[in-house]
Amino acid sequence: MNTKLTFIDPKNWLETLKQEVRDSYLIPNKIEKNVCLELGVNIGAFALINHGKFKHIYGLEASTNNFNSAVENILKNGILRLVLKTPG
């Protein structure tokens, strides 16, 4: 049994995910940055970090709860060049 499990503090969850995006999702400088298609938006961390690098970001999220969190996070931060969709 793994006794060294760690969990994200819900109060800092968004900040933790934003740092993960900064550390993990590197966008090459030499690509044309007109459109980004994000599959699995989760709570919007990628869009919050990278919205200034693309003219448009189109995001898809299957989870209604994650979708609602992403919309809330994106609206709170005034990001207008993002289109989010959820199935159904």
N, C-alpha and C. Protein backbone atom coordinates (compact mmCIF):
# COMPACT_ATOMS: atom_id res chain seq x y z
N MET A 1 0.84 -1.18 0.00
CA MET A 1 0.00 0.00 0.00
C MET A 1 0.88 1.24 0.00
N ASN A 2 0.57 2.17 -0.88
CA ASN A 2 1.34 3.41 -0.96
C ASN A 2 0.88 4.36 0.14
N THR A 3 1.77 4.66 1.07
CA THR A 3 1.42 5.57 2.17
C THR A 3 1.94 6.97 1.93
N LYS A 4 2.53 7.22 0.76
CA LYS A 4 3.11 8.54 0.47
C LYS A 4 2.31 9.30 -0.58
N LEU A 5 1.01 9.06 -0.62
CA LEU A 5 0.16 9.77 -1.56
C LEU A 5 0.06 11.23 -1.15
N THR A 6 0.06 12.11 -2.14
CA THR A 6 -0.15 13.53 -1.88
C THR A 6 -1.33 13.99 -2.72
N PHE A 7 -2.03 14.96 -2.22
CA PHE A 7 -3.19 15.50 -2.91
C PHE A 7 -3.05 17.01 -3.03
N ILE A 8 -3.60 17.52 -4.10
CA ILE A 8 -3.57 18.95 -4.34
C ILE A 8 -4.50 19.64 -3.36
N ASP A 9 -4.01 20.71 -2.77
CA ASP A 9 -4.84 21.52 -1.89
C ASP A 9 -5.89 22.22 -2.75
N PRO A 10 -7.18 21.99 -2.50
CA PRO A 10 -8.22 22.60 -3.35
C PRO A 10 -8.13 24.12 -3.41
N LYS A 11 -7.60 24.75 -2.39
CA LYS A 11 -7.50 26.21 -2.39
C LYS A 11 -6.48 26.68 -3.42
N ASN A 12 -5.48 25.87 -3.70
CA ASN A 12 -4.42 26.25 -4.63
C ASN A 12 -4.41 25.38 -5.88
N TRP A 13 -5.50 24.68 -6.14
CA TRP A 13 -5.54 23.74 -7.25
C TRP A 13 -5.27 24.42 -8.58
N LEU A 14 -5.92 25.54 -8.84
CA LEU A 14 -5.72 26.23 -10.11
C LEU A 14 -4.27 26.69 -10.25
N GLU A 15 -3.70 27.24 -9.20
CA GLU A 15 -2.30 27.69 -9.26
C GLU A 15 -1.36 26.51 -9.50
N THR A 16 -1.65 25.38 -8.88
CA THR A 16 -0.84 24.17 -9.08
C THR A 16 -0.92 23.72 -10.53
N LEU A 17 -2.11 23.70 -11.10
CA LEU A 17 -2.27 23.29 -12.49
C LEU A 17 -1.62 24.29 -13.45
N LYS A 18 -1.71 25.57 -13.16
CA LYS A 18 -1.07 26.57 -14.00
C LYS A 18 0.45 26.37 -14.00
N GLN A 19 1.03 26.04 -12.85
CA GLN A 19 2.46 25.79 -12.78
C GLN A 19 2.82 24.53 -13.56
N GLU A 20 1.96 23.51 -13.50
CA GLU A 20 2.19 22.29 -14.27
C GLU A 20 2.19 22.61 -15.77
N VAL A 21 1.29 23.47 -16.21
CA VAL A 21 1.25 23.87 -17.62
C VAL A 21 2.54 24.59 -17.99
N ARG A 22 2.98 25.52 -17.16
CA ARG A 22 4.23 26.25 -17.44
C ARG A 22 5.40 25.28 -17.58
N ASP A 23 5.44 24.27 -16.73
CA ASP A 23 6.57 23.34 -16.70
C ASP A 23 6.49 22.26 -17.77
N SER A 24 5.29 21.90 -18.21
CA SER A 24 5.12 20.71 -19.04
C SER A 24 4.76 20.97 -20.49
N TYR A 25 4.02 22.02 -20.77
CA TYR A 25 3.51 22.25 -22.12
C TYR A 25 4.30 23.35 -22.79
N LEU A 26 5.40 22.96 -23.41
CA LEU A 26 6.26 23.93 -24.06
C LEU A 26 5.80 24.14 -25.50
N ILE A 27 5.64 25.39 -25.88
CA ILE A 27 5.19 25.73 -27.22
C ILE A 27 6.39 26.28 -27.99
N PRO A 28 6.78 25.61 -29.08
CA PRO A 28 7.94 26.08 -29.84
C PRO A 28 7.74 27.49 -30.39
N ASN A 29 8.79 28.26 -30.41
CA ASN A 29 8.72 29.62 -30.93
C ASN A 29 8.53 29.66 -32.44
N LYS A 30 8.94 28.61 -33.13
CA LYS A 30 8.97 28.63 -34.59
C LYS A 30 7.68 28.16 -35.25
N ILE A 31 6.60 27.98 -34.50
CA ILE A 31 5.34 27.58 -35.13
C ILE A 31 4.44 28.80 -35.28
N GLU A 32 3.56 28.74 -36.28
CA GLU A 32 2.58 29.80 -36.46
C GLU A 32 1.50 29.63 -35.39
N LYS A 33 1.20 30.69 -34.69
CA LYS A 33 0.31 30.60 -33.53
C LYS A 33 -1.03 31.28 -33.79
N ASN A 34 -1.70 30.85 -34.86
CA ASN A 34 -3.02 31.39 -35.14
C ASN A 34 -4.09 30.71 -34.32
N VAL A 35 -4.10 29.38 -34.34
CA VAL A 35 -5.16 28.61 -33.70
C VAL A 35 -4.57 27.49 -32.87
N CYS A 36 -5.11 27.31 -31.69
CA CYS A 36 -4.75 26.18 -30.83
C CYS A 36 -6.02 25.40 -30.55
N LEU A 37 -5.97 24.09 -30.70
CA LEU A 37 -7.08 23.22 -30.36
C LEU A 37 -6.68 22.47 -29.09
N GLU A 38 -7.38 22.73 -28.01
CA GLU A 38 -7.08 22.08 -26.74
C GLU A 38 -8.14 21.02 -26.47
N LEU A 39 -7.72 19.78 -26.46
CA LEU A 39 -8.63 18.66 -26.19
C LEU A 39 -8.48 18.27 -24.73
N GLY A 40 -9.51 18.46 -23.96
CA GLY A 40 -9.44 18.21 -22.53
C GLY A 40 -9.02 19.47 -21.79
N VAL A 41 -9.89 20.45 -21.78
CA VAL A 41 -9.62 21.76 -21.19
C VAL A 41 -9.41 21.68 -19.68
N ASN A 42 -10.02 20.68 -19.04
CA ASN A 42 -9.99 20.55 -17.60
C ASN A 42 -10.58 21.82 -16.99
N ILE A 43 -9.84 22.57 -16.18
CA ILE A 43 -10.40 23.78 -15.56
C ILE A 43 -9.86 25.06 -16.19
N GLY A 44 -9.19 24.93 -17.35
CA GLY A 44 -8.78 26.10 -18.11
C GLY A 44 -7.36 26.59 -17.87
N ALA A 45 -6.52 25.81 -17.21
CA ALA A 45 -5.17 26.27 -16.87
C ALA A 45 -4.33 26.58 -18.12
N PHE A 46 -4.39 25.73 -19.15
CA PHE A 46 -3.61 25.97 -20.36
C PHE A 46 -4.02 27.29 -21.00
N ALA A 47 -5.31 27.52 -21.11
CA ALA A 47 -5.80 28.76 -21.71
C ALA A 47 -5.39 29.98 -20.89
N LEU A 48 -5.42 29.85 -19.57
CA LEU A 48 -5.03 30.98 -18.72
C LEU A 48 -3.57 31.35 -18.92
N ILE A 49 -2.72 30.36 -19.11
CA ILE A 49 -1.29 30.61 -19.27
C ILE A 49 -0.94 31.03 -20.70
N ASN A 50 -1.60 30.44 -21.69
CA ASN A 50 -1.16 30.60 -23.08
C ASN A 50 -2.08 31.42 -23.98
N HIS A 51 -3.12 32.04 -23.44
CA HIS A 51 -4.06 32.76 -24.31
C HIS A 51 -3.40 33.89 -25.10
N GLY A 52 -2.35 34.46 -24.58
CA GLY A 52 -1.67 35.54 -25.29
C GLY A 52 -0.76 35.08 -26.41
N LYS A 53 -0.52 33.78 -26.51
CA LYS A 53 0.38 33.24 -27.52
C LYS A 53 -0.34 32.84 -28.81
N PHE A 54 -1.67 32.77 -28.77
CA PHE A 54 -2.45 32.35 -29.93
C PHE A 54 -3.53 33.38 -30.23
N LYS A 55 -3.87 33.50 -31.52
CA LYS A 55 -4.98 34.38 -31.88
C LYS A 55 -6.29 33.82 -31.35
N HIS A 56 -6.46 32.49 -31.42
CA HIS A 56 -7.68 31.83 -30.97
C HIS A 56 -7.32 30.51 -30.31
N ILE A 57 -8.04 30.16 -29.26
CA ILE A 57 -7.95 28.83 -28.66
C ILE A 57 -9.35 28.24 -28.67
N TYR A 58 -9.46 27.04 -29.22
CA TYR A 58 -10.71 26.30 -29.20
C TYR A 58 -10.51 25.12 -28.26
N GLY A 59 -11.35 25.03 -27.25
CA GLY A 59 -11.18 23.98 -26.26
C GLY A 59 -12.40 23.09 -26.14
N LEU A 60 -12.15 21.80 -25.96
CA LEU A 60 -13.21 20.82 -25.75
C LEU A 60 -13.03 20.18 -24.38
N GLU A 61 -14.11 20.02 -23.66
CA GLU A 61 -14.08 19.37 -22.35
C GLU A 61 -15.31 18.50 -22.18
N ALA A 62 -15.10 17.22 -21.88
CA ALA A 62 -16.21 16.26 -21.76
C ALA A 62 -16.91 16.35 -20.41
N SER A 63 -16.21 16.71 -19.37
CA SER A 63 -16.80 16.77 -18.03
C SER A 63 -17.53 18.09 -17.83
N THR A 64 -18.80 18.00 -17.50
CA THR A 64 -19.59 19.21 -17.27
C THR A 64 -19.03 20.02 -16.10
N ASN A 65 -18.61 19.36 -15.03
CA ASN A 65 -18.05 20.08 -13.88
C ASN A 65 -16.76 20.81 -14.27
N ASN A 66 -15.86 20.14 -14.98
CA ASN A 66 -14.63 20.79 -15.42
C ASN A 66 -14.93 21.93 -16.39
N PHE A 67 -15.87 21.68 -17.30
CA PHE A 67 -16.26 22.71 -18.26
C PHE A 67 -16.74 23.97 -17.54
N ASN A 68 -17.62 23.79 -16.56
CA ASN A 68 -18.14 24.94 -15.81
C ASN A 68 -17.03 25.66 -15.06
N SER A 69 -16.09 24.91 -14.49
CA SER A 69 -14.95 25.54 -13.80
C SER A 69 -14.08 26.31 -14.78
N ALA A 70 -13.86 25.73 -15.97
CA ALA A 70 -13.05 26.41 -16.98
C ALA A 70 -13.69 27.72 -17.41
N VAL A 71 -14.99 27.68 -17.66
CA VAL A 71 -15.70 28.89 -18.06
C VAL A 71 -15.57 29.96 -16.97
N GLU A 72 -15.78 29.56 -15.73
CA GLU A 72 -15.67 30.51 -14.62
C GLU A 72 -14.26 31.09 -14.52
N ASN A 73 -13.24 30.25 -14.61
CA ASN A 73 -11.85 30.73 -14.52
C ASN A 73 -11.49 31.65 -15.67
N ILE A 74 -11.95 31.31 -16.85
CA ILE A 74 -11.64 32.12 -18.03
C ILE A 74 -12.36 33.46 -17.98
N LEU A 75 -13.61 33.45 -17.59
CA LEU A 75 -14.36 34.72 -17.49
C LEU A 75 -13.78 35.62 -16.40
N LYS A 76 -13.39 35.02 -15.27
CA LYS A 76 -12.79 35.81 -14.17
C LYS A 76 -11.53 36.53 -14.62
N ASN A 77 -10.85 35.96 -15.61
CA ASN A 77 -9.58 36.53 -16.07
C ASN A 77 -9.72 37.32 -17.37
N GLY A 78 -10.95 37.49 -17.85
CA GLY A 78 -11.20 38.34 -19.01
C GLY A 78 -10.62 37.84 -20.31
N ILE A 79 -10.54 36.52 -20.48
CA ILE A 79 -10.01 35.97 -21.72
C ILE A 79 -11.15 35.85 -22.71
N LEU A 80 -11.01 36.55 -23.84
CA LEU A 80 -12.10 36.62 -24.80
C LEU A 80 -11.82 35.87 -26.09
N ARG A 81 -10.60 35.44 -26.32
CA ARG A 81 -10.27 34.76 -27.57
C ARG A 81 -10.31 33.24 -27.41
N LEU A 82 -11.25 32.76 -26.64
CA LEU A 82 -11.34 31.32 -26.38
C LEU A 82 -12.77 30.87 -26.61
N VAL A 83 -12.91 29.75 -27.30
CA VAL A 83 -14.21 29.13 -27.51
C VAL A 83 -14.18 27.77 -26.84
N LEU A 84 -15.09 27.54 -25.91
CA LEU A 84 -15.18 26.26 -25.21
C LEU A 84 -16.43 25.52 -25.63
N LYS A 85 -16.31 24.21 -25.74
CA LYS A 85 -17.46 23.36 -26.07
C LYS A 85 -17.43 22.14 -25.17
N THR A 86 -18.61 21.66 -24.84
CA THR A 86 -18.75 20.40 -24.12
C THR A 86 -19.79 19.56 -24.87
N PRO A 87 -19.60 18.23 -24.91
CA PRO A 87 -20.59 17.41 -25.61
C PRO A 87 -21.97 17.54 -24.97
N GLY A 88 -22.99 17.46 -25.81
CA GLY A 88 -24.35 17.42 -25.29
C GLY A 88 -25.00 18.68 -25.14
